[in-house]
Amino acid sequence: MIDLILREDVPSLGRAGAVVRVKPGYARNYLLPKGLAFEATQGNKKRIDAEARVRAARHATDVAEAKTQATTLEALTLTISAKAGEGDRLFGSITAQDICDAALAKGHTIDKRKIVLEHPLKEIGSHAVPVRLHPEVQAELRVLVTAEEIEPA
């Protein structure tokens, strides 16, 4: 058995920075060539500690940026107009891409994959749309869907 320090999270083995004991073949053929682990020496322990500090600092800045973007998005109300029929039902639907386009028109960039819509919006009215900016930060974006004026034929 060989002691290794994990450089990255490895499923069913451990998290980054953990000292694990694995079989020599697994270490030699998989973990070491892919750069997922280092041998457990004093120099490598210092190296992993330095990488962990850098990762923690990057994580803190990412969370801070996500929180500032969340406060900006919480204050924002997007108005999207669409054709509607009887009972305030839309003929189509408002999707995450439509919300991204409306936010971009107001000068805010949102990745459509971060918008959490269980179902596209299909009714006129005000909707609270969750936006997952970071695994630890989520914002509520207000979307106001209005009826588009339909000209008589």
C-alpha atoms as a PDB file:
ATOM      1  CA  MET A   1       0.000   0.000   0.000  1.00  0.00           C
ATOM      2  CA  ILE A   2       1.141   3.526  -0.840  1.00  0.00           C
ATOM      3  CA  ASP A   3       0.262   6.757   0.933  1.00  0.00           C
ATOM      4  CA  LEU A   4      -0.811   9.563  -1.399  1.00  0.00           C
ATOM      5  CA  ILE A   5      -2.105  13.104  -0.998  1.00  0.00           C
ATOM      6  CA  LEU A   6      -5.123  13.818  -3.177  1.00  0.00           C
ATOM      7  CA  ARG A   7      -4.758  16.933  -5.295  1.00  0.00           C
ATOM      8  CA  GLU A   8      -8.400  16.929  -6.420  1.00  0.00           C
ATOM      9  CA  ASP A   9     -11.617  15.335  -5.192  1.00  0.00           C
ATOM     10  CA  VAL A  10     -11.764  11.692  -6.289  1.00  0.00           C
ATOM     11  CA  PRO A  11     -15.154   9.950  -6.013  1.00  0.00           C
ATOM     12  CA  SER A  12     -15.226   7.041  -3.557  1.00  0.00           C
ATOM     13  CA  LEU A  13     -11.674   7.837  -2.406  1.00  0.00           C
ATOM     14  CA  GLY A  14     -11.544  11.240  -0.754  1.00  0.00           C
ATOM     15  CA  ARG A  15     -11.470  15.003  -0.991  1.00  0.00           C
ATOM     16  CA  ALA A  16      -8.613  17.229  -2.094  1.00  0.00           C
ATOM     17  CA  GLY A  17      -5.828  17.439   0.496  1.00  0.00           C
ATOM     18  CA  ALA A  18      -6.664  14.125   2.165  1.00  0.00           C
ATOM     19  CA  VAL A  19      -3.954  11.527   2.765  1.00  0.00           C
ATOM     20  CA  VAL A  20      -5.151   8.162   1.467  1.00  0.00           C
ATOM     21  CA  ARG A  21      -3.648   4.706   1.305  1.00  0.00           C
ATOM     22  CA  VAL A  22      -4.134   2.923  -2.047  1.00  0.00           C
ATOM     23  CA  LYS A  23      -2.746  -0.071  -3.873  1.00  0.00           C
ATOM     24  CA  PRO A  24       0.431   0.548  -5.899  1.00  0.00           C
ATOM     25  CA  GLY A  25      -1.178  -0.278  -9.257  1.00  0.00           C
ATOM     26  CA  TYR A  26      -4.030   2.181  -8.734  1.00  0.00           C
ATOM     27  CA  ALA A  27      -1.551   4.889  -7.796  1.00  0.00           C
ATOM     28  CA  ARG A  28       0.928   4.135 -10.590  1.00  0.00           C
ATOM     29  CA  ASN A  29      -1.613   3.613 -13.398  1.00  0.00           C
ATOM     30  CA  TYR A  30      -4.380   6.078 -12.588  1.00  0.00           C
ATOM     31  CA  LEU A  31      -3.912   8.624  -9.809  1.00  0.00           C
ATOM     32  CA  LEU A  32      -0.338   9.748 -10.469  1.00  0.00           C
ATOM     33  CA  PRO A  33      -0.438   9.967 -14.315  1.00  0.00           C
ATOM     34  CA  LYS A  34      -3.703  11.951 -14.268  1.00  0.00           C
ATOM     35  CA  GLY A  35      -2.306  14.389 -11.698  1.00  0.00           C
ATOM     36  CA  LEU A  36      -4.996  13.548  -9.160  1.00  0.00           C
ATOM     37  CA  ALA A  37      -2.517  12.771  -6.380  1.00  0.00           C
ATOM     38  CA  PHE A  38       1.087  13.139  -5.192  1.00  0.00           C
ATOM     39  CA  GLU A  39       3.233  10.902  -3.051  1.00  0.00           C
ATOM     40  CA  ALA A  40       2.892  11.726   0.642  1.00  0.00           C
ATOM     41  CA  THR A  41       6.214  13.507   1.228  1.00  0.00           C
ATOM     42  CA  GLN A  42       6.794  16.612   3.347  1.00  0.00           C
ATOM     43  CA  GLY A  43       7.431  18.751   0.258  1.00  0.00           C
ATOM     44  CA  ASN A  44       4.241  17.586  -1.415  1.00  0.00           C
ATOM     45  CA  LYS A  45       2.254  18.216   1.778  1.00  0.00           C
ATOM     46  CA  LYS A  46       3.429  21.842   1.698  1.00  0.00           C
ATOM     47  CA  ARG A  47       2.556  22.019  -2.001  1.00  0.00           C
ATOM     48  CA  ILE A  48      -0.974  20.721  -1.385  1.00  0.00           C
ATOM     49  CA  ASP A  49      -1.432  23.171   1.517  1.00  0.00           C
ATOM     50  CA  ALA A  50      -0.459  26.052  -0.790  1.00  0.00           C
ATOM     51  CA  GLU A  51      -2.904  24.839  -3.463  1.00  0.00           C
ATOM     52  CA  ALA A  52      -5.641  24.577  -0.808  1.00  0.00           C
ATOM     53  CA  ARG A  53      -5.041  28.181   0.287  1.00  0.00           C
ATOM     54  CA  VAL A  54      -5.253  29.364  -3.339  1.00  0.00           C
ATOM     55  CA  ARG A  55      -8.435  27.319  -3.883  1.00  0.00           C
ATOM     56  CA  ALA A  56      -9.994  28.754  -0.694  1.00  0.00           C
ATOM     57  CA  ALA A  57      -9.147  32.327  -1.748  1.00  0.00           C
ATOM     58  CA  ARG A  58     -10.621  31.745  -5.212  1.00  0.00           C
ATOM     59  CA  HIS A  59     -13.739  30.238  -3.636  1.00  0.00           C
ATOM     60  CA  ALA A  60     -14.140  33.268  -1.359  1.00  0.00           C
ATOM     61  CA  THR A  61     -13.864  35.711  -4.267  1.00  0.00           C
ATOM     62  CA  ASP A  62     -16.333  33.660  -6.335  1.00  0.00           C
ATOM     63  CA  VAL A  63     -18.856  33.711  -3.485  1.00  0.00           C
ATOM     64  CA  ALA A  64     -18.376  37.464  -2.964  1.00  0.00           C
ATOM     65  CA  GLU A  65     -18.890  38.155  -6.680  1.00  0.00           C
ATOM     66  CA  ALA A  66     -22.001  35.957  -6.720  1.00  0.00           C
ATOM     67  CA  LYS A  67     -23.439  37.800  -3.696  1.00  0.00           C
ATOM     68  CA  THR A  68     -22.924  41.207  -5.310  1.00  0.00           C
ATOM     69  CA  GLN A  69     -24.548  39.955  -8.515  1.00  0.00           C
ATOM     70  CA  ALA A  70     -27.398  38.501  -6.431  1.00  0.00           C
ATOM     71  CA  THR A  71     -28.128  41.872  -4.815  1.00  0.00           C
ATOM     72  CA  THR A  72     -28.160  43.467  -8.272  1.00  0.00           C
ATOM     73  CA  LEU A  73     -30.542  40.844  -9.641  1.00  0.00           C
ATOM     74  CA  GLU A  74     -32.831  41.016  -6.587  1.00  0.00           C
ATOM     75  CA  ALA A  75     -33.438  44.713  -7.315  1.00  0.00           C
ATOM     76  CA  LEU A  76     -34.088  44.067 -11.013  1.00  0.00           C
ATOM     77  CA  THR A  77     -37.551  43.558 -12.525  1.00  0.00           C
ATOM     78  CA  LEU A  78     -37.707  42.278 -16.089  1.00  0.00           C
ATOM     79  CA  THR A  79     -40.784  42.989 -18.193  1.00  0.00           C
ATOM     80  CA  ILE A  80     -41.449  40.583 -21.043  1.00  0.00           C
ATOM     81  CA  SER A  81     -44.437  40.935 -23.344  1.00  0.00           C
ATOM     82  CA  ALA A  82     -45.932  37.993 -25.197  1.00  0.00           C
ATOM     83  CA  LYS A  83     -49.099  37.200 -27.110  1.00  0.00           C
ATOM     84  CA  ALA A  84     -51.853  35.987 -24.834  1.00  0.00           C
ATOM     85  CA  GLY A  85     -55.286  34.514 -25.238  1.00  0.00           C
ATOM     86  CA  GLU A  86     -58.280  34.062 -22.959  1.00  0.00           C
ATOM     87  CA  GLY A  87     -57.699  33.543 -19.275  1.00  0.00           C
ATOM     88  CA  ASP A  88     -54.298  35.260 -19.331  1.00  0.00           C
ATOM     89  CA  ARG A  89     -52.674  32.200 -20.888  1.00  0.00           C
ATOM     90  CA  LEU A  90     -49.796  32.791 -23.274  1.00  0.00           C
ATOM     91  CA  PHE A  91     -49.871  31.329 -26.774  1.00  0.00           C
ATOM     92  CA  GLY A  92     -46.238  30.346 -26.357  1.00  0.00           C
ATOM     93  CA  SER A  93     -44.128  30.406 -23.227  1.00  0.00           C
ATOM     94  CA  ILE A  94     -41.332  32.404 -21.635  1.00  0.00           C
ATOM     95  CA  THR A  95     -38.152  30.316 -21.388  1.00  0.00           C
ATOM     96  CA  ALA A  96     -34.815  30.815 -19.674  1.00  0.00           C
ATOM     97  CA  GLN A  97     -33.388  32.132 -22.953  1.00  0.00           C
ATOM     98  CA  ASP A  98     -36.127  34.795 -23.123  1.00  0.00           C
ATOM     99  CA  ILE A  99     -35.267  35.864 -19.575  1.00  0.00           C
ATOM    100  CA  CYS A 100     -31.554  36.039 -20.485  1.00  0.00           C
ATOM    101  CA  ASP A 101     -32.346  38.183 -23.538  1.00  0.00           C
ATOM    102  CA  ALA A 102     -34.477  40.566 -21.462  1.00  0.00           C
ATOM    103  CA  ALA A 103     -31.726  40.868 -18.841  1.00  0.00           C
ATOM    104  CA  LEU A 104     -29.138  41.522 -21.557  1.00  0.00           C
ATOM    105  CA  ALA A 105     -31.344  44.288 -22.967  1.00  0.00           C
ATOM    106  CA  LYS A 106     -31.162  45.953 -19.529  1.00  0.00           C
ATOM    107  CA  GLY A 107     -27.378  45.487 -19.391  1.00  0.00           C
ATOM    108  CA  HIS A 108     -27.140  42.412 -17.151  1.00  0.00           C
ATOM    109  CA  THR A 109     -25.505  39.200 -18.308  1.00  0.00           C
ATOM    110  CA  ILE A 110     -26.993  35.967 -16.950  1.00  0.00           C
ATOM    111  CA  ASP A 111     -26.062  32.480 -18.091  1.00  0.00           C
ATOM    112  CA  LYS A 112     -29.283  30.708 -19.077  1.00  0.00           C
ATOM    113  CA  ARG A 113     -28.093  27.492 -17.408  1.00  0.00           C
ATOM    114  CA  LYS A 114     -28.114  29.306 -14.062  1.00  0.00           C
ATOM    115  CA  ILE A 115     -31.808  30.159 -14.340  1.00  0.00           C
ATOM    116  CA  VAL A 116     -33.823  27.521 -12.498  1.00  0.00           C
ATOM    117  CA  LEU A 117     -37.200  27.168 -14.219  1.00  0.00           C
ATOM    118  CA  GLU A 118     -39.114  24.004 -13.445  1.00  0.00           C
ATOM    119  CA  HIS A 119     -41.522  24.840 -16.265  1.00  0.00           C
ATOM    120  CA  PRO A 120     -41.549  27.705 -18.770  1.00  0.00           C
ATOM    121  CA  LEU A 121     -43.737  30.647 -17.763  1.00  0.00           C
ATOM    122  CA  LYS A 122     -47.132  30.338 -19.476  1.00  0.00           C
ATOM    123  CA  GLU A 123     -49.281  32.923 -17.682  1.00  0.00           C
ATOM    124  CA  ILE A 124     -49.452  36.689 -17.519  1.00  0.00           C
ATOM    125  CA  GLY A 125     -48.416  38.171 -14.195  1.00  0.00           C
ATOM    126  CA  SER A 126     -45.482  38.542 -11.862  1.00  0.00           C
ATOM    127  CA  HIS A 127     -43.221  35.537 -11.347  1.00  0.00           C
ATOM    128  CA  ALA A 128     -40.278  34.971  -8.995  1.00  0.00           C
ATOM    129  CA  VAL A 129     -37.588  33.119 -10.932  1.00  0.00           C
ATOM    130  CA  PRO A 130     -34.693  31.599  -8.963  1.00  0.00           C
ATOM    131  CA  VAL A 131     -31.193  32.113 -10.360  1.00  0.00           C
ATOM    132  CA  ARG A 132     -28.418  29.893  -8.995  1.00  0.00           C
ATOM    133  CA  LEU A 133     -25.305  32.048  -9.300  1.00  0.00           C
ATOM    134  CA  HIS A 134     -23.063  29.791  -7.195  1.00  0.00           C
ATOM    135  CA  PRO A 135     -23.706  26.556  -5.296  1.00  0.00           C
ATOM    136  CA  GLU A 136     -23.951  28.663  -2.123  1.00  0.00           C
ATOM    137  CA  VAL A 137     -25.692  31.759  -3.574  1.00  0.00           C
ATOM    138  CA  GLN A 138     -29.165  31.949  -5.105  1.00  0.00           C
ATOM    139  CA  ALA A 139     -31.113  35.059  -6.138  1.00  0.00           C
ATOM    140  CA  GLU A 140     -34.789  35.677  -6.874  1.00  0.00           C
ATOM    141  CA  LEU A 141     -35.356  37.547 -10.134  1.00  0.00           C
ATOM    142  CA  ARG A 142     -38.741  39.185 -10.662  1.00  0.00           C
ATOM    143  CA  VAL A 143     -40.193  38.680 -14.136  1.00  0.00           C
ATOM    144  CA  LEU A 144     -43.332  40.545 -15.125  1.00  0.00           C
ATOM    145  CA  VAL A 145     -45.094  38.938 -18.094  1.00  0.00           C
ATOM    146  CA  THR A 146     -47.479  41.273 -19.891  1.00  0.00           C
ATOM    147  CA  ALA A 147     -49.928  40.787 -22.754  1.00  0.00           C
ATOM    148  CA  GLU A 148     -48.711  42.016 -26.114  1.00  0.00           C
ATOM    149  CA  GLU A 149     -51.137  44.213 -28.038  1.00  0.00           C
ATOM    150  CA  ILE A 150     -52.627  42.261 -30.939  1.00  0.00           C
ATOM    151  CA  GLU A 151     -53.733  44.374 -33.862  1.00  0.00           C
ATOM    152  CA  PRO A 152     -57.081  43.402 -35.425  1.00  0.00           C
ATOM    153  CA  ALA A 153     -56.874  41.984 -38.935  1.00  0.00           C
END
